[in-house]
């Protein structure tokens, strides 16, 4: 079965989720959480490829690991900016 196409357009708002390899945590400190991502152009796939690579390099250097960090593909859900963003930010604050 083919993967569904990702919808990308300028200034879109997405809820992005990743899973750590072997379901292990991919954040070890509060500083790891504080990395913001915004894509003003329709280039979500390119941006997340860069994020996968750069964050894995950062995490592996910090924790002295040598392996891939993420399991499988990321999930990107296109959401309404106002309503869903408020719910996500409230949930994020509760997690911290």
PDB file of N, CA and C in Angstrom:
ATOM      1  N   UNK A   1       0.844  -1.177   0.000  1.00  0.00           N
ATOM      2  CA  UNK A   1       0.000   0.000   0.000  1.00  0.00           C
ATOM      3  C   UNK A   1       0.893   1.246   0.000  1.00  0.00           C
ATOM      4  N   UNK A   2       0.573   2.178  -0.851  1.00  0.00           N
ATOM      5  CA  UNK A   2       1.364   3.405  -0.985  1.00  0.00           C
ATOM      6  C   UNK A   2       1.106   4.346   0.186  1.00  0.00           C
ATOM      7  N   UNK A   3       2.113   5.135   0.513  1.00  0.00           N
ATOM      8  CA  UNK A   3       1.958   6.148   1.560  1.00  0.00           C
ATOM      9  C   UNK A   3       1.063   7.274   1.054  1.00  0.00           C
ATOM     10  N   UNK A   4       0.236   7.846   1.926  1.00  0.00           N
ATOM     11  CA  UNK A   4      -0.564   8.997   1.496  1.00  0.00           C
ATOM     12  C   UNK A   4       0.335  10.207   1.273  1.00  0.00           C
ATOM     13  N   UNK A   5      -0.044  11.037   0.329  1.00  0.00           N
ATOM     14  CA  UNK A   5       0.720  12.247   0.055  1.00  0.00           C
ATOM     15  C   UNK A   5       0.588  13.219   1.208  1.00  0.00           C
ATOM     16  N   UNK A   6       1.667  13.934   1.486  1.00  0.00           N
ATOM     17  CA  UNK A   6       1.638  14.946   2.530  1.00  0.00           C
ATOM     18  C   UNK A   6       1.170  16.264   1.912  1.00  0.00           C
ATOM     19  N   UNK A   7       0.319  16.960   2.617  1.00  0.00           N
ATOM     20  CA  UNK A   7      -0.164  18.256   2.160  1.00  0.00           C
ATOM     21  C   UNK A   7       0.799  19.310   2.671  1.00  0.00           C
ATOM     22  N   UNK A   8       1.380  20.066   1.757  1.00  0.00           N
ATOM     23  CA  UNK A   8       2.322  21.120   2.119  1.00  0.00           C
ATOM     24  C   UNK A   8       1.939  22.409   1.408  1.00  0.00           C
ATOM     25  N   UNK A   9       1.856  23.478   2.179  1.00  0.00           N
ATOM     26  CA  UNK A   9       1.672  24.797   1.582  1.00  0.00           C
ATOM     27  C   UNK A   9       2.251  25.844   2.523  1.00  0.00           C
ATOM     28  N   UNK A  10       2.532  27.043   2.024  1.00  0.00           N
ATOM     29  CA  UNK A  10       3.174  28.076   2.850  1.00  0.00           C
ATOM     30  C   UNK A  10       2.359  28.416   4.092  1.00  0.00           C
ATOM     31  N   UNK A  11       3.063  28.620   5.211  1.00  0.00           N
ATOM     32  CA  UNK A  11       2.477  29.024   6.487  1.00  0.00           C
ATOM     33  C   UNK A  11       1.452  28.046   7.047  1.00  0.00           C
ATOM     34  N   UNK A  12       1.531  26.794   6.653  1.00  0.00           N
ATOM     35  CA  UNK A  12       0.642  25.783   7.216  1.00  0.00           C
ATOM     36  C   UNK A  12       1.093  25.470   8.640  1.00  0.00           C
ATOM     37  N   UNK A  13       0.189  24.952   9.448  1.00  0.00           N
ATOM     38  CA  UNK A  13       0.465  24.635  10.844  1.00  0.00           C
ATOM     39  C   UNK A  13       0.279  23.132  11.017  1.00  0.00           C
ATOM     40  N   UNK A  14       1.312  22.447  11.501  1.00  0.00           N
ATOM     41  CA  UNK A  14       1.298  20.994  11.617  1.00  0.00           C
ATOM     42  C   UNK A  14       1.561  20.547  13.048  1.00  0.00           C
ATOM     43  N   UNK A  15       0.955  19.449  13.417  1.00  0.00           N
ATOM     44  CA  UNK A  15       1.307  18.751  14.649  1.00  0.00           C
ATOM     45  C   UNK A  15       2.208  17.593  14.214  1.00  0.00           C
ATOM     46  N   UNK A  16       3.492  17.691  14.564  1.00  0.00           N
ATOM     47  CA  UNK A  16       4.492  16.715  14.130  1.00  0.00           C
ATOM     48  C   UNK A  16       4.801  15.787  15.294  1.00  0.00           C
ATOM     49  N   UNK A  17       4.807  14.484  15.040  1.00  0.00           N
ATOM     50  CA  UNK A  17       5.184  13.526  16.075  1.00  0.00           C
ATOM     51  C   UNK A  17       6.254  12.593  15.540  1.00  0.00           C
ATOM     52  N   UNK A  18       7.187  12.251  16.408  1.00  0.00           N
ATOM     53  CA  UNK A  18       8.276  11.325  16.117  1.00  0.00           C
ATOM     54  C   UNK A  18       8.224  10.222  17.156  1.00  0.00           C
ATOM     55  N   UNK A  19       8.790   9.097  16.844  1.00  0.00           N
ATOM     56  CA  UNK A  19       8.964   8.043  17.834  1.00  0.00           C
ATOM     57  C   UNK A  19      10.438   7.722  17.898  1.00  0.00           C
ATOM     58  N   UNK A  20      10.951   7.634  19.112  1.00  0.00           N
ATOM     59  CA  UNK A  20      12.342   7.263  19.305  1.00  0.00           C
ATOM     60  C   UNK A  20      12.570   5.805  18.934  1.00  0.00           C
ATOM     61  N   UNK A  21      13.745   5.513  18.431  1.00  0.00           N
ATOM     62  CA  UNK A  21      14.093   4.142  18.101  1.00  0.00           C
ATOM     63  C   UNK A  21      13.931   3.272  19.345  1.00  0.00           C
ATOM     64  N   UNK A  22      13.336   2.108  19.165  1.00  0.00           N
ATOM     65  CA  UNK A  22      13.029   1.188  20.264  1.00  0.00           C
ATOM     66  C   UNK A  22      12.176   1.850  21.347  1.00  0.00           C
ATOM     67  N   UNK A  23      11.412   2.859  20.944  1.00  0.00           N
ATOM     68  CA  UNK A  23      10.525   3.634  21.824  1.00  0.00           C
ATOM     69  C   UNK A  23      11.263   4.288  22.990  1.00  0.00           C
ATOM     70  N   UNK A  24      12.525   4.580  22.802  1.00  0.00           N
ATOM     71  CA  UNK A  24      13.316   5.246  23.834  1.00  0.00           C
ATOM     72  C   UNK A  24      13.117   6.753  23.735  1.00  0.00           C
ATOM     73  N   UNK A  25      13.350   7.468  24.842  1.00  0.00           N
ATOM     74  CA  UNK A  25      13.206   8.932  24.822  1.00  0.00           C
ATOM     75  C   UNK A  25      14.215   9.577  23.868  1.00  0.00           C
ATOM     76  N   UNK A  26      13.775  10.637  23.195  1.00  0.00           N
ATOM     77  CA  UNK A  26      14.682  11.366  22.312  1.00  0.00           C
ATOM     78  C   UNK A  26      15.047  12.726  22.899  1.00  0.00           C
ATOM     79  N   UNK A  27      14.492  13.049  24.064  1.00  0.00           N
ATOM     80  CA  UNK A  27      14.834  14.278  24.776  1.00  0.00           C
ATOM     81  C   UNK A  27      15.334  13.893  26.156  1.00  0.00           C
ATOM     82  N   UNK A  28      16.478  14.431  26.539  1.00  0.00           N
ATOM     83  CA  UNK A  28      17.048  14.098  27.849  1.00  0.00           C
ATOM     84  C   UNK A  28      17.083  15.282  28.795  1.00  0.00           C
ATOM     85  N   UNK A  29      16.904  16.483  28.264  1.00  0.00           N
ATOM     86  CA  UNK A  29      16.929  17.665  29.124  1.00  0.00           C
ATOM     87  C   UNK A  29      15.906  18.675  28.623  1.00  0.00           C
ATOM     88  N   UNK A  30      15.608  19.657  29.471  1.00  0.00           N
ATOM     89  CA  UNK A  30      14.657  20.697  29.076  1.00  0.00           C
ATOM     90  C   UNK A  30      15.159  21.460  27.851  1.00  0.00           C
ATOM     91  N   UNK A  31      16.476  21.630  27.746  1.00  0.00           N
ATOM     92  CA  UNK A  31      17.051  22.319  26.599  1.00  0.00           C
ATOM     93  C   UNK A  31      16.782  21.605  25.285  1.00  0.00           C
ATOM     94  N   UNK A  32      16.653  20.278  25.340  1.00  0.00           N
ATOM     95  CA  UNK A  32      16.352  19.513  24.133  1.00  0.00           C
ATOM     96  C   UNK A  32      14.938  19.809  23.627  1.00  0.00           C
ATOM     97  N   UNK A  33      14.024  20.078  24.553  1.00  0.00           N
ATOM     98  CA  UNK A  33      12.646  20.383  24.168  1.00  0.00           C
ATOM     99  C   UNK A  33      12.515  21.751  23.523  1.00  0.00           C
ATOM    100  N   UNK A  34      13.404  22.647  23.841  1.00  0.00           N
ATOM    101  CA  UNK A  34      13.264  24.043  23.439  1.00  0.00           C
ATOM    102  C   UNK A  34      13.827  24.327  22.055  1.00  0.00           C
ATOM    103  N   UNK A  35      13.537  23.492  21.121  1.00  0.00           N
ATOM    104  CA  UNK A  35      13.948  23.690  19.732  1.00  0.00           C
ATOM    105  C   UNK A  35      12.678  23.924  18.926  1.00  0.00           C
ATOM    106  N   UNK A  36      12.474  25.135  18.412  1.00  0.00           N
ATOM    107  CA  UNK A  36      11.247  25.474  17.687  1.00  0.00           C
ATOM    108  C   UNK A  36      11.459  25.308  16.198  1.00  0.00           C
ATOM    109  N   UNK A  37      10.380  25.016  15.499  1.00  0.00           N
ATOM    110  CA  UNK A  37      10.439  24.768  14.068  1.00  0.00           C
ATOM    111  C   UNK A  37       9.296  25.501  13.377  1.00  0.00           C
ATOM    112  N   UNK A  38       9.641  26.290  12.382  1.00  0.00           N
ATOM    113  CA  UNK A  38       8.637  26.981  11.587  1.00  0.00           C
ATOM    114  C   UNK A  38       9.054  26.896  10.130  1.00  0.00           C
ATOM    115  N   UNK A  39       8.107  26.581   9.261  1.00  0.00           N
ATOM    116  CA  UNK A  39       8.409  26.498   7.836  1.00  0.00           C
ATOM    117  C   UNK A  39       7.489  27.453   7.086  1.00  0.00           C
ATOM    118  N   UNK A  40       7.945  28.670   6.827  1.00  0.00           N
ATOM    119  CA  UNK A  40       7.096  29.634   6.122  1.00  0.00           C
ATOM    120  C   UNK A  40       6.843  29.260   4.655  1.00  0.00           C
ATOM    121  N   UNK A  41       7.689  28.406   4.091  1.00  0.00           N
ATOM    122  CA  UNK A  41       7.471  27.941   2.715  1.00  0.00           C
ATOM    123  C   UNK A  41       6.908  26.522   2.735  1.00  0.00           C
ATOM    124  N   UNK A  42       6.451  26.053   1.615  1.00  0.00           N
ATOM    125  CA  UNK A  42       5.894  24.696   1.521  1.00  0.00           C
ATOM    126  C   UNK A  42       7.028  23.695   1.374  1.00  0.00           C
ATOM    127  N   UNK A  43       7.806  23.518   2.448  1.00  0.00           N
ATOM    128  CA  UNK A  43       8.962  22.624   2.384  1.00  0.00           C
ATOM    129  C   UNK A  43       9.079  21.765   3.647  1.00  0.00           C
ATOM    130  N   UNK A  44       7.961  21.273   4.142  1.00  0.00           N
ATOM    131  CA  UNK A  44       7.942  20.493   5.368  1.00  0.00           C
ATOM    132  C   UNK A  44       8.849  19.268   5.266  1.00  0.00           C
ATOM    133  N   UNK A  45       8.768  18.544   4.179  1.00  0.00           N
ATOM    134  CA  UNK A  45       9.561  17.322   4.024  1.00  0.00           C
ATOM    135  C   UNK A  45      11.058  17.621   4.071  1.00  0.00           C
ATOM    136  N   UNK A  46      11.503  18.637   3.379  1.00  0.00           N
ATOM    137  CA  UNK A  46      12.925  19.009   3.377  1.00  0.00           C
ATOM    138  C   UNK A  46      13.366  19.475   4.772  1.00  0.00           C
ATOM    139  N   UNK A  47      12.520  20.259   5.423  1.00  0.00           N
ATOM    140  CA  UNK A  47      12.843  20.768   6.752  1.00  0.00           C
ATOM    141  C   UNK A  47      12.958  19.636   7.764  1.00  0.00           C
ATOM    142  N   UNK A  48      12.034  18.683   7.727  1.00  0.00           N
ATOM    143  CA  UNK A  48      12.091  17.585   8.687  1.00  0.00           C
ATOM    144  C   UNK A  48      13.234  16.621   8.396  1.00  0.00           C
ATOM    145  N   UNK A  49      13.623  16.494   7.149  1.00  0.00           N
ATOM    146  CA  UNK A  49      14.812  15.708   6.832  1.00  0.00           C
ATOM    147  C   UNK A  49      16.031  16.353   7.494  1.00  0.00           C
ATOM    148  N   UNK A  50      16.126  17.672   7.396  1.00  0.00           N
ATOM    149  CA  UNK A  50      17.221  18.395   8.037  1.00  0.00           C
ATOM    150  C   UNK A  50      17.157  18.219   9.554  1.00  0.00           C
ATOM    151  N   UNK A  51      15.951  18.314  10.129  1.00  0.00           N
ATOM    152  CA  UNK A  51      15.783  18.157  11.573  1.00  0.00           C
ATOM    153  C   UNK A  51      16.203  16.757  12.022  1.00  0.00           C
ATOM    154  N   UNK A  52      15.748  15.729  11.313  1.00  0.00           N
ATOM    155  CA  UNK A  52      16.129  14.342  11.636  1.00  0.00           C
ATOM    156  C   UNK A  52      17.653  14.224  11.698  1.00  0.00           C
ATOM    157  N   UNK A  53      18.310  14.714  10.674  1.00  0.00           N
ATOM    158  CA  UNK A  53      19.760  14.577  10.571  1.00  0.00           C
ATOM    159  C   UNK A  53      20.483  15.398  11.627  1.00  0.00           C
ATOM    160  N   UNK A  54      20.159  16.676  11.725  1.00  0.00           N
ATOM    161  CA  UNK A  54      20.889  17.549  12.646  1.00  0.00           C
ATOM    162  C   UNK A  54      20.621  17.199  14.105  1.00  0.00           C
ATOM    163  N   UNK A  55      19.375  16.883  14.463  1.00  0.00           N
ATOM    164  CA  UNK A  55      19.094  16.555  15.857  1.00  0.00           C
ATOM    165  C   UNK A  55      19.719  15.206  16.232  1.00  0.00           C
ATOM    166  N   UNK A  56      19.721  14.261  15.333  1.00  0.00           N
ATOM    167  CA  UNK A  56      20.368  12.974  15.609  1.00  0.00           C
ATOM    168  C   UNK A  56      21.855  13.167  15.837  1.00  0.00           C
ATOM    169  N   UNK A  57      22.508  13.974  15.013  1.00  0.00           N
ATOM    170  CA  UNK A  57      23.935  14.260  15.202  1.00  0.00           C
ATOM    171  C   UNK A  57      24.182  14.937  16.553  1.00  0.00           C
ATOM    172  N   UNK A  58      23.352  15.927  16.891  1.00  0.00           N
ATOM    173  CA  UNK A  58      23.469  16.628  18.174  1.00  0.00           C
ATOM    174  C   UNK A  58      23.285  15.657  19.342  1.00  0.00           C
ATOM    175  N   UNK A  59      22.224  14.855  19.301  1.00  0.00           N
ATOM    176  CA  UNK A  59      21.900  13.935  20.388  1.00  0.00           C
ATOM    177  C   UNK A  59      22.975  12.868  20.550  1.00  0.00           C
ATOM    178  N   UNK A  60      23.437  12.317  19.428  1.00  0.00           N
ATOM    179  CA  UNK A  60      24.471  11.277  19.495  1.00  0.00           C
ATOM    180  C   UNK A  60      25.784  11.831  20.039  1.00  0.00           C
ATOM    181  N   UNK A  61      26.147  13.038  19.665  1.00  0.00           N
ATOM    182  CA  UNK A  61      27.375  13.637  20.187  1.00  0.00           C
ATOM    183  C   UNK A  61      27.236  13.921  21.685  1.00  0.00           C
ATOM    184  N   UNK A  62      26.073  14.411  22.078  1.00  0.00           N
ATOM    185  CA  UNK A  62      25.827  14.747  23.483  1.00  0.00           C
ATOM    186  C   UNK A  62      25.830  13.505  24.374  1.00  0.00           C
ATOM    187  N   UNK A  63      25.272  12.406  23.883  1.00  0.00           N
ATOM    188  CA  UNK A  63      25.131  11.195  24.697  1.00  0.00           C
ATOM    189  C   UNK A  63      26.142  10.111  24.335  1.00  0.00           C
ATOM    190  N   UNK A  64      27.068  10.439  23.456  1.00  0.00           N
ATOM    191  CA  UNK A  64      28.120   9.514  23.009  1.00  0.00           C
ATOM    192  C   UNK A  64      27.539   8.205  22.469  1.00  0.00           C
ATOM    193  N   UNK A  65      26.564   8.343  21.575  1.00  0.00           N
ATOM    194  CA  UNK A  65      25.942   7.202  20.908  1.00  0.00           C
ATOM    195  C   UNK A  65      26.369   7.187  19.453  1.00  0.00           C
ATOM    196  N   UNK A  66      26.203   6.024  18.812  1.00  0.00           N
ATOM    197  CA  UNK A  66      26.446   5.908  17.375  1.00  0.00           C
ATOM    198  C   UNK A  66      25.364   4.987  16.809  1.00  0.00           C
ATOM    199  N   UNK A  67      24.202   5.546  16.524  1.00  0.00           N
ATOM    200  CA  UNK A  67      23.130   4.773  15.892  1.00  0.00           C
ATOM    201  C   UNK A  67      22.011   5.730  15.508  1.00  0.00           C
ATOM    202  N   UNK A  68      20.993   5.209  14.810  1.00  0.00           N
ATOM    203  CA  UNK A  68      19.898   6.104  14.445  1.00  0.00           C
ATOM    204  C   UNK A  68      19.020   6.348  15.666  1.00  0.00           C
ATOM    205  N   UNK A  69      18.387   7.504  15.695  1.00  0.00           N
ATOM    206  CA  UNK A  69      17.630   7.949  16.855  1.00  0.00           C
ATOM    207  C   UNK A  69      16.136   7.733  16.693  1.00  0.00           C
ATOM    208  N   UNK A  70      15.638   7.910  15.487  1.00  0.00           N
ATOM    209  CA  UNK A  70      14.193   7.858  15.252  1.00  0.00           C
ATOM    210  C   UNK A  70      13.776   6.522  14.658  1.00  0.00           C
ATOM    211  N   UNK A  71      12.588   6.090  15.047  1.00  0.00           N
ATOM    212  CA  UNK A  71      12.012   4.863  14.516  1.00  0.00           C
ATOM    213  C   UNK A  71      10.958   5.222  13.483  1.00  0.00           C
ATOM    214  N   UNK A  72      11.154   4.781  12.281  1.00  0.00           N
ATOM    215  CA  UNK A  72      10.156   4.999  11.247  1.00  0.00           C
ATOM    216  C   UNK A  72      10.005   6.443  10.816  1.00  0.00           C
ATOM    217  N   UNK A  73       8.891   6.710  10.204  1.00  0.00           N
ATOM    218  CA  UNK A  73       8.577   8.002   9.633  1.00  0.00           C
ATOM    219  C   UNK A  73       7.901   8.911  10.645  1.00  0.00           C
ATOM    220  N   UNK A  74       8.027  10.199  10.459  1.00  0.00           N
ATOM    221  CA  UNK A  74       7.309  11.138  11.319  1.00  0.00           C
ATOM    222  C   UNK A  74       5.851  11.215  10.880  1.00  0.00           C
ATOM    223  N   UNK A  75       4.991  11.668  11.782  1.00  0.00           N
ATOM    224  CA  UNK A  75       3.592  11.919  11.438  1.00  0.00           C
ATOM    225  C   UNK A  75       3.391  13.422  11.409  1.00  0.00           C
ATOM    226  N   UNK A  76       2.722  13.899  10.400  1.00  0.00           N
ATOM    227  CA  UNK A  76       2.432  15.325  10.262  1.00  0.00           C
ATOM    228  C   UNK A  76       0.939  15.489  10.026  1.00  0.00           C
ATOM    229  N   UNK A  77       0.266  16.090  10.989  1.00  0.00           N
ATOM    230  CA  UNK A  77      -1.165  16.310  10.880  1.00  0.00           C
ATOM    231  C   UNK A  77      -1.397  17.803  10.676  1.00  0.00           C
ATOM    232  N   UNK A  78      -2.026  18.140   9.585  1.00  0.00           N
ATOM    233  CA  UNK A  78      -2.358  19.532   9.287  1.00  0.00           C
ATOM    234  C   UNK A  78      -3.475  19.966  10.231  1.00  0.00           C
ATOM    235  N   UNK A  79      -3.273  21.053  10.961  1.00  0.00           N
ATOM    236  CA  UNK A  79      -4.246  21.466  11.972  1.00  0.00           C
ATOM    237  C   UNK A  79      -4.638  22.926  11.782  1.00  0.00           C
ATOM    238  N   UNK A  80      -5.753  23.288  12.396  1.00  0.00           N
ATOM    239  CA  UNK A  80      -6.178  24.686  12.411  1.00  0.00           C
ATOM    240  C   UNK A  80      -5.319  25.437  13.404  1.00  0.00           C
ATOM    241  N   UNK A  81      -4.819  26.557  12.995  1.00  0.00           N
ATOM    242  CA  UNK A  81      -3.839  27.307  13.782  1.00  0.00           C
ATOM    243  C   UNK A  81      -4.370  27.720  15.158  1.00  0.00           C
ATOM    244  N   UNK A  82      -5.560  28.235  15.271  1.00  0.00           N
ATOM    245  CA  UNK A  82      -6.015  28.815  16.529  1.00  0.00           C
ATOM    246  C   UNK A  82      -6.459  27.780  17.562  1.00  0.00           C
ATOM    247  N   UNK A  83      -7.427  26.969  17.223  1.00  0.00           N
ATOM    248  CA  UNK A  83      -8.030  26.067  18.202  1.00  0.00           C
ATOM    249  C   UNK A  83      -7.064  24.959  18.632  1.00  0.00           C
ATOM    250  N   UNK A  84      -6.543  24.232  17.686  1.00  0.00           N
ATOM    251  CA  UNK A  84      -5.690  23.086  18.001  1.00  0.00           C
ATOM    252  C   UNK A  84      -4.359  23.530  18.595  1.00  0.00           C
ATOM    253  N   UNK A  85      -3.823  24.636  18.133  1.00  0.00           N
ATOM    254  CA  UNK A  85      -2.552  25.142  18.664  1.00  0.00           C
ATOM    255  C   UNK A  85      -2.681  25.473  20.139  1.00  0.00           C
ATOM    256  N   UNK A  86      -3.792  26.027  20.545  1.00  0.00           N
ATOM    257  CA  UNK A  86      -4.013  26.342  21.951  1.00  0.00           C
ATOM    258  C   UNK A  86      -4.037  25.066  22.790  1.00  0.00           C
ATOM    259  N   UNK A  87      -4.713  24.037  22.299  1.00  0.00           N
ATOM    260  CA  UNK A  87      -4.762  22.766  23.017  1.00  0.00           C
ATOM    261  C   UNK A  87      -3.377  22.124  23.106  1.00  0.00           C
ATOM    262  N   UNK A  88      -2.627  22.156  22.008  1.00  0.00           N
ATOM    263  CA  UNK A  88      -1.286  21.570  22.018  1.00  0.00           C
ATOM    264  C   UNK A  88      -0.351  22.303  22.956  1.00  0.00           C
ATOM    265  N   UNK A  89      -0.412  23.627  22.963  1.00  0.00           N
ATOM    266  CA  UNK A  89       0.478  24.384  23.842  1.00  0.00           C
ATOM    267  C   UNK A  89       0.130  24.138  25.305  1.00  0.00           C
ATOM    268  N   UNK A  90      -1.148  23.974  25.626  1.00  0.00           N
ATOM    269  CA  UNK A  90      -1.547  23.670  27.007  1.00  0.00           C
ATOM    270  C   UNK A  90      -1.039  22.284  27.401  1.00  0.00           C
ATOM    271  N   UNK A  91      -1.113  21.313  26.506  1.00  0.00           N
ATOM    272  CA  UNK A  91      -0.624  19.975  26.767  1.00  0.00           C
ATOM    273  C   UNK A  91       0.885  19.990  26.938  1.00  0.00           C
ATOM    274  N   UNK A  92       1.583  20.753  26.116  1.00  0.00           N
ATOM    275  CA  UNK A  92       3.049  20.837  26.198  1.00  0.00           C
ATOM    276  C   UNK A  92       3.471  21.408  27.543  1.00  0.00           C
ATOM    277  N   UNK A  93       2.759  22.417  28.024  1.00  0.00           N
ATOM    278  CA  UNK A  93       3.087  23.022  29.322  1.00  0.00           C
ATOM    279  C   UNK A  93       2.875  22.002  30.445  1.00  0.00           C
ATOM    280  N   UNK A  94       1.841  21.189  30.358  1.00  0.00           N
ATOM    281  CA  UNK A  94       1.583  20.172  31.373  1.00  0.00           C
ATOM    282  C   UNK A  94       2.690  19.119  31.402  1.00  0.00           C
ATOM    283  N   UNK A  95       3.235  18.779  30.236  1.00  0.00           N
ATOM    284  CA  UNK A  95       4.308  17.775  30.150  1.00  0.00           C
ATOM    285  C   UNK A  95       5.560  18.283  30.836  1.00  0.00           C
ATOM    286  N   UNK A  96       5.886  19.563  30.633  1.00  0.00           N
ATOM    287  CA  UNK A  96       7.099  20.123  31.235  1.00  0.00           C
ATOM    288  C   UNK A  96       6.918  20.259  32.717  1.00  0.00           C
TER     289      UNK A  96
END
